[in-house]
Amino acid sequence: MLAYAKVAPETNGLALIHKEVRSPDSGEILIRMSAAGICGSDVQIYKWAPRYVNWIQLPRIIGHEMSGVVVQVGADVVNVKTGDHVSLESHIACGVCHQCKTNRAHVCPNTRYPGVHVDGAFAEFVTVPASIAWVNPPDAPEHLTAVLEPFGIAMHATLEGTGVAGQSVLINGCGPIGLMNVGIARHFGAQRIIGVDPNPLRRKAALAMGADMVIDPANENVLARVNDLTHNQGADVVFEYTGQPEGVINAFACLTVGGDLRWCATPPHAMQFDFNMMRNKRPTVYNIHGRRLWETWVKGAPLIYENKIDLTPVLTHTLPLSEAARAFELILSGQAGKPLLVPD
């Protein structure tokens, strides 16, 4: 089969390879990939961010967002059958730790990930544990079910804490998940949605997803604009997606005192943090990681099946697997939202 893999420990270090299809072992399934999305973490692997150096054994087929059709099941698989249309949850939880036993499998400390610890989604065929398969209706659009995993992050973030209904919301960083967060916040009744991003294409997409206004942090005073828009109260809920020091400072500065800070970012490097920002704003901070298993899927998937949230502004490109390098170029140059890879 054709696959796209990290083959060298350096920036880029990605290549198209040919590899034998692996038959599923007990508890596993073999999926024919229909569509796969490129995530920000895949871009960090491209850049060989330090946190991945000790995680990934090379070569490794990367990618974890996907939809496909099950073509073979291993022994002892009971939740999936041949012919099922599935999406993948990216967290392979251990199932036996304290967190897994207390309904917190999404933060299992023993979690493994497709595309990191095992071969992932950027391949014509993918072999993974059946435990991470979510079965979709057979008529659900495969390009949309491919992104249920990142959609679930935004869904999880939106519903945490006080939710968003009737509140002013700031989404700091309008990449693909931030844009999904805009649409979900609008669906769940946010009073006002402000998007912040330096990329004009992303700001335009944020408006298309339902933001009331957008701010360019490279050319505008974000705090002054937010204060003006919120009558100097600040945003009730701030979603932080940038993972950059300047973005974090803006996130805390724009939050109302005692508001909700939903931390969704995965910084590529360690950063210094001024805890006086906590003291001054006294926020409730939610560290968003993945999706609640499987509660978030149950709540979020129908919004995609029933077209209640239109992801067209987010899914900007579809390219064949053989042109995966081009998809990364589009992301790195700021010309793409979320490209999808499909079989050649």
C-alpha atoms as a PDB file:
ATOM      1  CA  MET A   1       0.000   0.000   0.000  1.00  0.00           C
ATOM      2  CA  LEU A   2       0.972   3.645  -0.415  1.00  0.00           C
ATOM      3  CA  ALA A   3       1.556   5.612   2.801  1.00  0.00           C
ATOM      4  CA  TYR A   4       2.998   8.922   3.986  1.00  0.00           C
ATOM      5  CA  ALA A   5       5.460   8.535   6.842  1.00  0.00           C
ATOM      6  CA  LYS A   6       7.940  10.341   9.037  1.00  0.00           C
ATOM      7  CA  VAL A   7      11.186   8.682   8.008  1.00  0.00           C
ATOM      8  CA  ALA A   8      13.922  11.026   9.281  1.00  0.00           C
ATOM      9  CA  PRO A   9      14.397  12.923  12.598  1.00  0.00           C
ATOM     10  CA  GLU A  10      14.513  16.415  11.136  1.00  0.00           C
ATOM     11  CA  THR A  11      12.277  19.212   9.894  1.00  0.00           C
ATOM     12  CA  ASN A  12      10.068  17.699   7.212  1.00  0.00           C
ATOM     13  CA  GLY A  13      11.619  14.216   7.149  1.00  0.00           C
ATOM     14  CA  LEU A  14       8.393  12.944   5.545  1.00  0.00           C
ATOM     15  CA  ALA A  15       8.176  10.716   2.484  1.00  0.00           C
ATOM     16  CA  LEU A  16       5.834   8.535   0.473  1.00  0.00           C
ATOM     17  CA  ILE A  17       6.582   4.886   1.131  1.00  0.00           C
ATOM     18  CA  HIS A  18       5.221   1.507   0.109  1.00  0.00           C
ATOM     19  CA  LYS A  19       4.483  -0.904   2.912  1.00  0.00           C
ATOM     20  CA  GLU A  20       2.792  -4.265   3.292  1.00  0.00           C
ATOM     21  CA  VAL A  21      -0.762  -4.157   4.595  1.00  0.00           C
ATOM     22  CA  ARG A  22      -0.832  -5.607   8.115  1.00  0.00           C
ATOM     23  CA  SER A  23      -3.662  -8.027   8.867  1.00  0.00           C
ATOM     24  CA  PRO A  24      -5.476  -7.314  12.121  1.00  0.00           C
ATOM     25  CA  ASP A  25      -4.487  -9.150  15.261  1.00  0.00           C
ATOM     26  CA  SER A  26      -6.979 -10.043  17.972  1.00  0.00           C
ATOM     27  CA  GLY A  27      -8.995  -6.972  18.944  1.00  0.00           C
ATOM     28  CA  GLU A  28      -7.957  -5.065  15.812  1.00  0.00           C
ATOM     29  CA  ILE A  29      -9.610  -4.039  12.531  1.00  0.00           C
ATOM     30  CA  LEU A  30      -8.319  -3.272   9.050  1.00  0.00           C
ATOM     31  CA  ILE A  31      -9.844  -0.145   7.462  1.00  0.00           C
ATOM     32  CA  ARG A  32      -9.695   1.042   3.865  1.00  0.00           C
ATOM     33  CA  MET A  33      -9.112   4.774   4.231  1.00  0.00           C
ATOM     34  CA  SER A  34     -11.721   7.038   2.603  1.00  0.00           C
ATOM     35  CA  ALA A  35     -10.474  10.429   3.806  1.00  0.00           C
ATOM     36  CA  ALA A  36      -7.915  11.662   6.341  1.00  0.00           C
ATOM     37  CA  GLY A  37      -7.450  15.136   7.811  1.00  0.00           C
ATOM     38  CA  ILE A  38      -4.147  16.829   8.563  1.00  0.00           C
ATOM     39  CA  CYS A  39      -3.973  18.028  12.177  1.00  0.00           C
ATOM     40  CA  GLY A  40      -1.827  20.654  13.840  1.00  0.00           C
ATOM     41  CA  SER A  41      -0.030  17.852  15.666  1.00  0.00           C
ATOM     42  CA  ASP A  42       0.923  16.371  12.276  1.00  0.00           C
ATOM     43  CA  VAL A  43       2.476  19.745  11.451  1.00  0.00           C
ATOM     44  CA  GLN A  44       4.407  19.586  14.738  1.00  0.00           C
ATOM     45  CA  ILE A  45       5.674  16.138  13.717  1.00  0.00           C
ATOM     46  CA  TYR A  46       6.662  17.659  10.362  1.00  0.00           C
ATOM     47  CA  LYS A  47       8.665  20.276  12.291  1.00  0.00           C
ATOM     48  CA  TRP A  48       9.946  17.549  14.669  1.00  0.00           C
ATOM     49  CA  ALA A  49       8.796  19.389  17.785  1.00  0.00           C
ATOM     50  CA  PRO A  50      10.729  18.245  20.892  1.00  0.00           C
ATOM     51  CA  ARG A  51       7.784  16.486  22.515  1.00  0.00           C
ATOM     52  CA  TYR A  52       7.649  13.980  19.666  1.00  0.00           C
ATOM     53  CA  VAL A  53      11.328  13.083  19.600  1.00  0.00           C
ATOM     54  CA  ASN A  54      11.036  10.461  22.349  1.00  0.00           C
ATOM     55  CA  TRP A  55       7.538   9.322  21.361  1.00  0.00           C
ATOM     56  CA  ILE A  56       7.906   8.302  17.752  1.00  0.00           C
ATOM     57  CA  GLN A  57       9.922   5.348  16.561  1.00  0.00           C
ATOM     58  CA  LEU A  58      10.863   5.954  12.924  1.00  0.00           C
ATOM     59  CA  PRO A  59       9.707   5.243  10.343  1.00  0.00           C
ATOM     60  CA  ARG A  60       6.109   5.946  11.353  1.00  0.00           C
ATOM     61  CA  ILE A  61       3.033   6.426   9.181  1.00  0.00           C
ATOM     62  CA  ILE A  62       1.476   9.583  10.606  1.00  0.00           C
ATOM     63  CA  GLY A  63      -2.086  10.891  10.814  1.00  0.00           C
ATOM     64  CA  HIS A  64      -4.989  10.135  13.142  1.00  0.00           C
ATOM     65  CA  GLU A  65      -8.095  11.860  11.741  1.00  0.00           C
ATOM     66  CA  MET A  66      -9.881   9.587   9.295  1.00  0.00           C
ATOM     67  CA  SER A  67     -12.962   7.848   7.993  1.00  0.00           C
ATOM     68  CA  GLY A  68     -13.044   4.563   6.123  1.00  0.00           C
ATOM     69  CA  VAL A  69     -14.687   1.205   5.607  1.00  0.00           C
ATOM     70  CA  VAL A  70     -13.836  -1.873   7.668  1.00  0.00           C
ATOM     71  CA  VAL A  71     -12.554  -4.624   5.367  1.00  0.00           C
ATOM     72  CA  GLN A  72     -11.358  -7.182   7.937  1.00  0.00           C
ATOM     73  CA  VAL A  73     -11.814  -7.800  11.656  1.00  0.00           C
ATOM     74  CA  GLY A  74      -9.564  -9.726  13.997  1.00  0.00           C
ATOM     75  CA  ALA A  75     -10.595 -12.228  16.617  1.00  0.00           C
ATOM     76  CA  ASP A  76     -12.637 -11.043  19.619  1.00  0.00           C
ATOM     77  CA  VAL A  77     -13.950  -7.905  17.892  1.00  0.00           C
ATOM     78  CA  VAL A  78     -17.597  -7.358  18.824  1.00  0.00           C
ATOM     79  CA  ASN A  79     -18.257  -3.635  18.308  1.00  0.00           C
ATOM     80  CA  VAL A  80     -17.422  -3.436  14.577  1.00  0.00           C
ATOM     81  CA  LYS A  81     -18.120  -5.631  11.561  1.00  0.00           C
ATOM     82  CA  THR A  82     -16.886  -5.828   7.991  1.00  0.00           C
ATOM     83  CA  GLY A  83     -18.515  -3.157   5.837  1.00  0.00           C
ATOM     84  CA  ASP A  84     -19.034  -0.657   8.649  1.00  0.00           C
ATOM     85  CA  HIS A  85     -18.260   2.993   7.883  1.00  0.00           C
ATOM     86  CA  VAL A  86     -16.118   4.225  10.766  1.00  0.00           C
ATOM     87  CA  SER A  87     -14.252   7.224  12.121  1.00  0.00           C
ATOM     88  CA  LEU A  88     -11.300   6.994  14.497  1.00  0.00           C
ATOM     89  CA  GLU A  89     -10.941   8.228  18.047  1.00  0.00           C
ATOM     90  CA  SER A  90      -7.267   9.099  18.424  1.00  0.00           C
ATOM     91  CA  HIS A  91      -6.857   8.068  22.066  1.00  0.00           C
ATOM     92  CA  ILE A  92      -6.011   4.401  22.592  1.00  0.00           C
ATOM     93  CA  ALA A  93      -6.712   4.307  26.319  1.00  0.00           C
ATOM     94  CA  CYS A  94      -5.429   1.442  28.462  1.00  0.00           C
ATOM     95  CA  GLY A  95      -8.811   0.648  30.013  1.00  0.00           C
ATOM     96  CA  VAL A  96      -7.390  -0.440  33.370  1.00  0.00           C
ATOM     97  CA  CYS A  97      -5.905   2.668  35.055  1.00  0.00           C
ATOM     98  CA  HIS A  98      -7.614   4.845  37.675  1.00  0.00           C
ATOM     99  CA  GLN A  99      -8.677   7.420  35.092  1.00  0.00           C
ATOM    100  CA  CYS A 100     -10.169   4.831  32.751  1.00  0.00           C
ATOM    101  CA  LYS A 101     -12.103   3.264  35.619  1.00  0.00           C
ATOM    102  CA  THR A 102     -13.513   6.622  36.740  1.00  0.00           C
ATOM    103  CA  ASN A 103     -14.967   7.808  33.421  1.00  0.00           C
ATOM    104  CA  ARG A 104     -11.890   9.863  32.502  1.00  0.00           C
ATOM    105  CA  ALA A 105     -10.383   7.725  29.762  1.00  0.00           C
ATOM    106  CA  HIS A 106      -9.755  10.870  27.706  1.00  0.00           C
ATOM    107  CA  VAL A 107      -6.917  11.695  30.125  1.00  0.00           C
ATOM    108  CA  CYS A 108      -5.601   8.151  30.549  1.00  0.00           C
ATOM    109  CA  PRO A 109      -1.879   8.525  31.409  1.00  0.00           C
ATOM    110  CA  ASN A 110      -1.088   5.432  29.345  1.00  0.00           C
ATOM    111  CA  THR A 111      -2.749   6.708  26.173  1.00  0.00           C
ATOM    112  CA  ARG A 112      -1.198   5.771  22.850  1.00  0.00           C
ATOM    113  CA  TYR A 113      -1.960   7.532  19.572  1.00  0.00           C
ATOM    114  CA  PRO A 114      -2.254   6.416  15.940  1.00  0.00           C
ATOM    115  CA  GLY A 115       0.382   8.196  13.911  1.00  0.00           C
ATOM    116  CA  VAL A 116       2.629   8.468  16.979  1.00  0.00           C
ATOM    117  CA  HIS A 117       2.896   5.158  18.836  1.00  0.00           C
ATOM    118  CA  VAL A 118       1.386   2.990  16.085  1.00  0.00           C
ATOM    119  CA  ASP A 119       1.037   3.519  12.336  1.00  0.00           C
ATOM    120  CA  GLY A 120      -1.667   6.003  11.488  1.00  0.00           C
ATOM    121  CA  ALA A 121      -4.167   7.257   8.946  1.00  0.00           C
ATOM    122  CA  PHE A 122      -2.114   8.554   6.009  1.00  0.00           C
ATOM    123  CA  ALA A 123      -2.223   5.233   4.192  1.00  0.00           C
ATOM    124  CA  GLU A 124      -4.495   3.312   1.867  1.00  0.00           C
ATOM    125  CA  PHE A 125      -5.154   0.791   4.649  1.00  0.00           C
ATOM    126  CA  VAL A 126      -4.994   1.313   8.420  1.00  0.00           C
ATOM    127  CA  THR A 127      -4.814  -1.360  11.128  1.00  0.00           C
ATOM    128  CA  VAL A 128      -5.898  -0.151  14.563  1.00  0.00           C
ATOM    129  CA  PRO A 129      -7.595  -1.402  17.743  1.00  0.00           C
ATOM    130  CA  ALA A 130     -11.331  -1.847  17.273  1.00  0.00           C
ATOM    131  CA  SER A 131     -11.788  -0.009  20.572  1.00  0.00           C
ATOM    132  CA  ILE A 132     -11.190   3.365  18.863  1.00  0.00           C
ATOM    133  CA  ALA A 133     -13.680   2.872  16.017  1.00  0.00           C
ATOM    134  CA  TRP A 134     -16.875   4.929  15.922  1.00  0.00           C
ATOM    135  CA  VAL A 135     -19.495   3.496  13.566  1.00  0.00           C
ATOM    136  CA  ASN A 136     -21.205   6.061  11.299  1.00  0.00           C
ATOM    137  CA  PRO A 137     -24.408   5.739   9.302  1.00  0.00           C
ATOM    138  CA  PRO A 138     -23.470   4.344   5.873  1.00  0.00           C
ATOM    139  CA  ASP A 139     -24.806   7.446   4.107  1.00  0.00           C
ATOM    140  CA  ALA A 140     -22.860   9.964   6.230  1.00  0.00           C
ATOM    141  CA  PRO A 141     -20.477  12.023   4.033  1.00  0.00           C
ATOM    142  CA  GLU A 142     -17.009  10.528   4.402  1.00  0.00           C
ATOM    143  CA  HIS A 143     -15.221  13.874   4.076  1.00  0.00           C
ATOM    144  CA  LEU A 144     -17.149  15.100   7.127  1.00  0.00           C
ATOM    145  CA  THR A 145     -16.888  11.943   9.215  1.00  0.00           C
ATOM    146  CA  ALA A 146     -13.120  12.097   8.648  1.00  0.00           C
ATOM    147  CA  VAL A 147     -12.987  15.149  10.921  1.00  0.00           C
ATOM    148  CA  LEU A 148     -15.270  14.012  13.732  1.00  0.00           C
ATOM    149  CA  GLU A 149     -12.155  13.635  15.914  1.00  0.00           C
ATOM    150  CA  PRO A 150     -11.044  17.307  15.780  1.00  0.00           C
ATOM    151  CA  PHE A 151     -14.681  18.424  15.771  1.00  0.00           C
ATOM    152  CA  GLY A 152     -14.971  16.568  19.070  1.00  0.00           C
ATOM    153  CA  ILE A 153     -12.207  18.652  20.641  1.00  0.00           C
ATOM    154  CA  ALA A 154     -14.119  21.845  19.883  1.00  0.00           C
ATOM    155  CA  MET A 155     -17.330  20.187  21.090  1.00  0.00           C
ATOM    156  CA  HIS A 156     -15.702  19.109  24.358  1.00  0.00           C
ATOM    157  CA  ALA A 157     -14.278  22.601  24.887  1.00  0.00           C
ATOM    158  CA  THR A 158     -17.607  24.322  24.179  1.00  0.00           C
ATOM    159  CA  LEU A 159     -19.604  22.182  26.613  1.00  0.00           C
ATOM    160  CA  GLU A 160     -17.151  22.261  29.523  1.00  0.00           C
ATOM    161  CA  GLY A 161     -17.801  24.382  32.588  1.00  0.00           C
ATOM    162  CA  THR A 162     -20.560  26.927  32.112  1.00  0.00           C
ATOM    163  CA  GLY A 163     -20.918  26.145  28.399  1.00  0.00           C
ATOM    164  CA  VAL A 164     -21.399  29.212  26.189  1.00  0.00           C
ATOM    165  CA  ALA A 165     -25.145  29.949  26.088  1.00  0.00           C
ATOM    166  CA  GLY A 166     -25.823  33.651  26.591  1.00  0.00           C
ATOM    167  CA  GLN A 167     -22.145  34.464  27.093  1.00  0.00           C
ATOM    168  CA  SER A 168     -19.563  36.516  25.235  1.00  0.00           C
ATOM    169  CA  VAL A 169     -16.946  34.223  23.732  1.00  0.00           C
ATOM    170  CA  LEU A 170     -13.446  34.889  22.396  1.00  0.00           C
ATOM    171  CA  ILE A 171     -11.737  32.254  20.262  1.00  0.00           C
ATOM    172  CA  ASN A 172      -8.029  32.982  20.252  1.00  0.00           C
ATOM    173  CA  GLY A 173      -6.578  31.245  17.197  1.00  0.00           C
ATOM    174  CA  CYS A 174      -8.863  30.354  14.305  1.00  0.00           C
ATOM    175  CA  GLY A 175      -7.178  27.279  12.927  1.00  0.00           C
ATOM    176  CA  PRO A 176      -9.430  24.368  11.936  1.00  0.00           C
ATOM    177  CA  ILE A 177     -10.474  23.432  15.485  1.00  0.00           C
ATOM    178  CA  GLY A 178     -10.885  27.069  16.482  1.00  0.00           C
ATOM    179  CA  LEU A 179     -13.134  27.550  13.443  1.00  0.00           C
ATOM    180  CA  MET A 180     -15.160  24.480  14.414  1.00  0.00           C
ATOM    181  CA  ASN A 181     -15.410  26.008  17.890  1.00  0.00           C
ATOM    182  CA  VAL A 182     -16.925  29.140  16.340  1.00  0.00           C
ATOM    183  CA  GLY A 183     -19.648  27.110  14.651  1.00  0.00           C
ATOM    184  CA  ILE A 184     -20.375  25.020  17.750  1.00  0.00           C
ATOM    185  CA  ALA A 185     -20.499  28.077  20.020  1.00  0.00           C
ATOM    186  CA  ARG A 186     -22.968  29.687  17.628  1.00  0.00           C
ATOM    187  CA  HIS A 187     -25.084  26.531  17.606  1.00  0.00           C
ATOM    188  CA  PHE A 188     -25.183  26.400  21.416  1.00  0.00           C
ATOM    189  CA  GLY A 189     -26.291  29.999  21.833  1.00  0.00           C
ATOM    190  CA  ALA A 190     -23.258  32.185  22.508  1.00  0.00           C
ATOM    191  CA  GLN A 191     -24.332  35.811  22.813  1.00  0.00           C
ATOM    192  CA  ARG A 192     -21.286  37.231  21.034  1.00  0.00           C
ATOM    193  CA  ILE A 193     -18.383  35.462  19.300  1.00  0.00           C
ATOM    194  CA  ILE A 194     -15.063  37.203  18.655  1.00  0.00           C
ATOM    195  CA  GLY A 195     -12.397  35.496  16.567  1.00  0.00           C
ATOM    196  CA  VAL A 196      -8.712  36.463  16.809  1.00  0.00           C
ATOM    197  CA  ASP A 197      -6.184  35.418  14.169  1.00  0.00           C
ATOM    198  CA  PRO A 198      -3.487  37.158  12.088  1.00  0.00           C
ATOM    199  CA  ASN A 199      -4.319  35.144   8.937  1.00  0.00           C
ATOM    200  CA  PRO A 200      -6.897  36.959   6.749  1.00  0.00           C
ATOM    201  CA  LEU A 201      -8.159  33.672   5.283  1.00  0.00           C
ATOM    202  CA  ARG A 202      -8.855  32.359   8.771  1.00  0.00           C
ATOM    203  CA  ARG A 203     -10.586  35.571   9.830  1.00  0.00           C
ATOM    204  CA  LYS A 204     -12.819  35.349   6.758  1.00  0.00           C
ATOM    205  CA  ALA A 205     -13.579  31.711   7.560  1.00  0.00           C
ATOM    206  CA  ALA A 206     -14.406  32.628  11.179  1.00  0.00           C
ATOM    207  CA  LEU A 207     -17.049  35.074   9.947  1.00  0.00           C
ATOM    208  CA  ALA A 208     -18.429  32.380   7.644  1.00  0.00           C
ATOM    209  CA  MET A 209     -18.625  29.973  10.610  1.00  0.00           C
ATOM    210  CA  GLY A 210     -20.664  32.465  12.633  1.00  0.00           C
ATOM    211  CA  ALA A 211     -18.311  34.878  14.396  1.00  0.00           C
ATOM    212  CA  ASP A 212     -19.808  38.329  15.004  1.00  0.00           C
ATOM    213  CA  MET A 213     -16.493  40.059  14.519  1.00  0.00           C
ATOM    214  CA  VAL A 214     -12.809  39.237  14.009  1.00  0.00           C
ATOM    215  CA  ILE A 215      -9.584  40.883  15.160  1.00  0.00           C
ATOM    216  CA  ASP A 216      -6.156  40.906  13.538  1.00  0.00           C
ATOM    217  CA  PRO A 217      -3.637  40.736  16.429  1.00  0.00           C
ATOM    218  CA  ALA A 218      -0.787  41.732  14.134  1.00  0.00           C
ATOM    219  CA  ASN A 219      -2.332  45.130  13.373  1.00  0.00           C
ATOM    220  CA  GLU A 220      -4.895  45.792  16.097  1.00  0.00           C
ATOM    221  CA  ASN A 221      -4.852  46.155  19.860  1.00  0.00           C
ATOM    222  CA  VAL A 222      -6.736  43.014  20.824  1.00  0.00           C
ATOM    223  CA  LEU A 223      -7.475  44.055  24.414  1.00  0.00           C
ATOM    224  CA  ALA A 224      -8.730  47.492  23.360  1.00  0.00           C
ATOM    225  CA  ARG A 225     -11.008  45.969  20.720  1.00  0.00           C
ATOM    226  CA  VAL A 226     -12.389  43.368  23.105  1.00  0.00           C
ATOM    227  CA  ASN A 227     -12.995  45.952  25.831  1.00  0.00           C
ATOM    228  CA  ASP A 228     -14.821  48.120  23.320  1.00  0.00           C
ATOM    229  CA  LEU A 229     -16.971  45.202  22.168  1.00  0.00           C
ATOM    230  CA  THR A 230     -17.783  44.015  25.713  1.00  0.00           C
ATOM    231  CA  HIS A 231     -18.272  47.419  27.417  1.00  0.00           C
ATOM    232  CA  ASN A 232     -14.972  46.932  29.274  1.00  0.00           C
ATOM    233  CA  GLN A 233     -16.147  43.686  30.856  1.00  0.00           C
ATOM    234  CA  GLY A 234     -13.983  41.290  28.846  1.00  0.00           C
ATOM    235  CA  ALA A 235     -15.094  37.964  27.400  1.00  0.00           C
ATOM    236  CA  ASP A 236     -16.951  35.532  29.659  1.00  0.00           C
ATOM    237  CA  VAL A 237     -15.276  32.532  27.986  1.00  0.00           C
ATOM    238  CA  VAL A 238     -11.914  32.516  26.209  1.00  0.00           C
ATOM    239  CA  PHE A 239     -10.725  29.549  24.146  1.00  0.00           C
ATOM    240  CA  GLU A 240      -6.939  29.542  23.730  1.00  0.00           C
ATOM    241  CA  TYR A 241      -5.740  27.719  20.597  1.00  0.00           C
ATOM    242  CA  THR A 242      -2.510  29.541  19.676  1.00  0.00           C
ATOM    243  CA  GLY A 243      -0.070  27.876  22.079  1.00  0.00           C
ATOM    244  CA  GLN A 244       2.131  30.954  21.735  1.00  0.00           C
ATOM    245  CA  PRO A 245       3.296  33.239  24.594  1.00  0.00           C
ATOM    246  CA  GLU A 246       1.731  36.343  23.020  1.00  0.00           C
ATOM    247  CA  GLY A 247      -1.523  34.495  22.481  1.00  0.00           C
ATOM    248  CA  VAL A 248      -1.666  33.333  26.088  1.00  0.00           C
ATOM    249  CA  ILE A 249      -1.085  36.891  27.340  1.00  0.00           C
ATOM    250  CA  ASN A 250      -3.926  38.137  25.128  1.00  0.00           C
ATOM    251  CA  ALA A 251      -6.196  35.310  26.276  1.00  0.00           C
ATOM    252  CA  PHE A 252      -5.837  36.209  29.956  1.00  0.00           C
ATOM    253  CA  ALA A 253      -5.947  39.953  29.304  1.00  0.00           C
ATOM    254  CA  CYS A 254      -9.240  39.693  27.405  1.00  0.00           C
ATOM    255  CA  LEU A 255     -10.974  37.431  29.948  1.00  0.00           C
ATOM    256  CA  THR A 256     -13.468  38.907  32.381  1.00  0.00           C
ATOM    257  CA  VAL A 257     -12.542  38.564  36.046  1.00  0.00           C
ATOM    258  CA  GLY A 258     -13.748  35.166  37.216  1.00  0.00           C
ATOM    259  CA  GLY A 259     -14.424  33.959  33.676  1.00  0.00           C
ATOM    260  CA  ASP A 260     -13.734  30.609  32.023  1.00  0.00           C
ATOM    261  CA  LEU A 261     -10.383  30.006  30.313  1.00  0.00           C
ATOM    262  CA  ARG A 262     -10.599  26.886  28.142  1.00  0.00           C
ATOM    263  CA  TRP A 263      -6.999  25.882  27.349  1.00  0.00           C
ATOM    264  CA  CYS A 264      -7.084  23.938  24.064  1.00  0.00           C
ATOM    265  CA  ALA A 265      -3.586  24.560  22.712  1.00  0.00           C
ATOM    266  CA  THR A 266      -0.670  22.153  22.492  1.00  0.00           C
ATOM    267  CA  PRO A 267       2.457  24.356  22.608  1.00  0.00           C
ATOM    268  CA  PRO A 268       5.320  22.939  20.537  1.00  0.00           C
ATOM    269  CA  HIS A 269       7.850  24.142  23.105  1.00  0.00           C
ATOM    270  CA  ALA A 270       7.953  24.906  26.818  1.00  0.00           C
ATOM    271  CA  MET A 271       7.000  28.480  27.682  1.00  0.00           C
ATOM    272  CA  GLN A 272       7.307  30.734  30.701  1.00  0.00           C
ATOM    273  CA  PHE A 273       4.082  31.602  32.490  1.00  0.00           C
ATOM    274  CA  ASP A 274       3.362  34.589  34.728  1.00  0.00           C
ATOM    275  CA  PHE A 275       1.056  33.308  37.463  1.00  0.00           C
ATOM    276  CA  ASN A 276       0.080  36.896  38.276  1.00  0.00           C
ATOM    277  CA  MET A 277      -2.230  36.548  35.262  1.00  0.00           C
ATOM    278  CA  MET A 278      -4.071  33.877  37.251  1.00  0.00           C
ATOM    279  CA  ARG A 279      -4.147  35.997  40.379  1.00  0.00           C
ATOM    280  CA  ASN A 280      -5.422  39.064  38.559  1.00  0.00           C
ATOM    281  CA  LYS A 281      -8.190  37.357  36.596  1.00  0.00           C
ATOM    282  CA  ARG A 282      -9.040  34.485  38.994  1.00  0.00           C
ATOM    283  CA  PRO A 283     -10.345  32.327  36.161  1.00  0.00           C
ATOM    284  CA  THR A 284     -11.666  28.810  36.139  1.00  0.00           C
ATOM    285  CA  VAL A 285      -9.241  27.025  33.804  1.00  0.00           C
ATOM    286  CA  TYR A 286     -10.248  23.920  31.881  1.00  0.00           C
ATOM    287  CA  ASN A 287      -7.417  21.985  30.255  1.00  0.00           C
ATOM    288  CA  ILE A 288      -9.102  20.487  27.198  1.00  0.00           C
ATOM    289  CA  HIS A 289      -7.585  17.243  25.958  1.00  0.00           C
ATOM    290  CA  GLY A 290      -9.270  15.246  23.248  1.00  0.00           C
ATOM    291  CA  ARG A 291     -12.884  14.229  23.721  1.00  0.00           C
ATOM    292  CA  ARG A 292     -14.835  12.678  26.580  1.00  0.00           C
ATOM    293  CA  LEU A 293     -15.120   9.006  25.675  1.00  0.00           C
ATOM    294  CA  TRP A 294     -17.624   8.498  24.302  1.00  0.00           C
ATOM    295  CA  GLU A 295     -19.958  11.208  25.538  1.00  0.00           C
ATOM    296  CA  THR A 296     -18.600  13.904  23.230  1.00  0.00           C
ATOM    297  CA  TRP A 297     -19.058  11.676  20.169  1.00  0.00           C
ATOM    298  CA  VAL A 298     -22.657  10.918  21.135  1.00  0.00           C
ATOM    299  CA  LYS A 299     -23.427  14.640  21.424  1.00  0.00           C
ATOM    300  CA  GLY A 300     -21.329  15.886  18.513  1.00  0.00           C
ATOM    301  CA  ALA A 301     -21.678  13.377  15.677  1.00  0.00           C
ATOM    302  CA  PRO A 302     -25.399  14.068  15.022  1.00  0.00           C
ATOM    303  CA  LEU A 303     -24.591  17.742  14.392  1.00  0.00           C
ATOM    304  CA  ILE A 304     -22.474  16.594  11.444  1.00  0.00           C
ATOM    305  CA  TYR A 305     -24.864  13.893  10.225  1.00  0.00           C
ATOM    306  CA  GLU A 306     -27.792  16.342  10.242  1.00  0.00           C
ATOM    307  CA  ASN A 307     -25.751  19.209   8.727  1.00  0.00           C
ATOM    308  CA  LYS A 308     -26.492  21.490  11.657  1.00  0.00           C
ATOM    309  CA  ILE A 309     -22.971  22.914  11.491  1.00  0.00           C
ATOM    310  CA  ASP A 310     -21.521  23.564   8.042  1.00  0.00           C
ATOM    311  CA  LEU A 311     -17.790  22.794   7.927  1.00  0.00           C
ATOM    312  CA  THR A 312     -17.303  23.963   4.337  1.00  0.00           C
ATOM    313  CA  PRO A 313     -15.228  27.032   5.379  1.00  0.00           C
ATOM    314  CA  VAL A 314     -12.871  24.730   7.321  1.00  0.00           C
ATOM    315  CA  LEU A 315     -12.296  21.962   4.748  1.00  0.00           C
ATOM    316  CA  THR A 316     -10.472  23.968   2.116  1.00  0.00           C
ATOM    317  CA  HIS A 317      -8.632  21.352   0.031  1.00  0.00           C
ATOM    318  CA  THR A 318      -8.857  17.703  -0.991  1.00  0.00           C
ATOM    319  CA  LEU A 319      -5.709  16.092  -2.376  1.00  0.00           C
ATOM    320  CA  PRO A 320      -4.694  12.534  -3.273  1.00  0.00           C
ATOM    321  CA  LEU A 321      -2.430  10.753  -0.816  1.00  0.00           C
ATOM    322  CA  SER A 322       0.416  10.930  -3.321  1.00  0.00           C
ATOM    323  CA  GLU A 323       0.311  14.747  -3.010  1.00  0.00           C
ATOM    324  CA  ALA A 324       0.485  14.817   0.796  1.00  0.00           C
ATOM    325  CA  ALA A 325       3.616  16.975   0.675  1.00  0.00           C
ATOM    326  CA  ARG A 326       1.643  19.630  -1.191  1.00  0.00           C
ATOM    327  CA  ALA A 327      -1.026  19.589   1.518  1.00  0.00           C
ATOM    328  CA  PHE A 328       1.588  20.365   4.180  1.00  0.00           C
ATOM    329  CA  GLU A 329       2.987  23.169   2.015  1.00  0.00           C
ATOM    330  CA  LEU A 330      -0.462  24.745   1.814  1.00  0.00           C
ATOM    331  CA  ILE A 331      -0.824  24.658   5.594  1.00  0.00           C
ATOM    332  CA  LEU A 332       2.651  26.008   6.315  1.00  0.00           C
ATOM    333  CA  SER A 333       2.179  28.875   3.859  1.00  0.00           C
ATOM    334  CA  GLY A 334      -1.145  29.858   5.457  1.00  0.00           C
ATOM    335  CA  GLN A 335      -3.150  29.034   2.330  1.00  0.00           C
ATOM    336  CA  ALA A 336      -5.236  26.164   3.745  1.00  0.00           C
ATOM    337  CA  GLY A 337      -7.632  25.470   6.566  1.00  0.00           C
ATOM    338  CA  LYS A 338      -7.817  21.713   6.905  1.00  0.00           C
ATOM    339  CA  PRO A 339      -6.770  19.729   3.813  1.00  0.00           C
ATOM    340  CA  LEU A 340      -8.104  16.208   3.414  1.00  0.00           C
ATOM    341  CA  LEU A 341      -6.099  13.367   1.903  1.00  0.00           C
ATOM    342  CA  VAL A 342      -7.963  10.742  -0.106  1.00  0.00           C
ATOM    343  CA  PRO A 343      -6.797   7.566  -1.857  1.00  0.00           C
ATOM    344  CA  ASP A 344      -5.303   8.111  -5.311  1.00  0.00           C
END
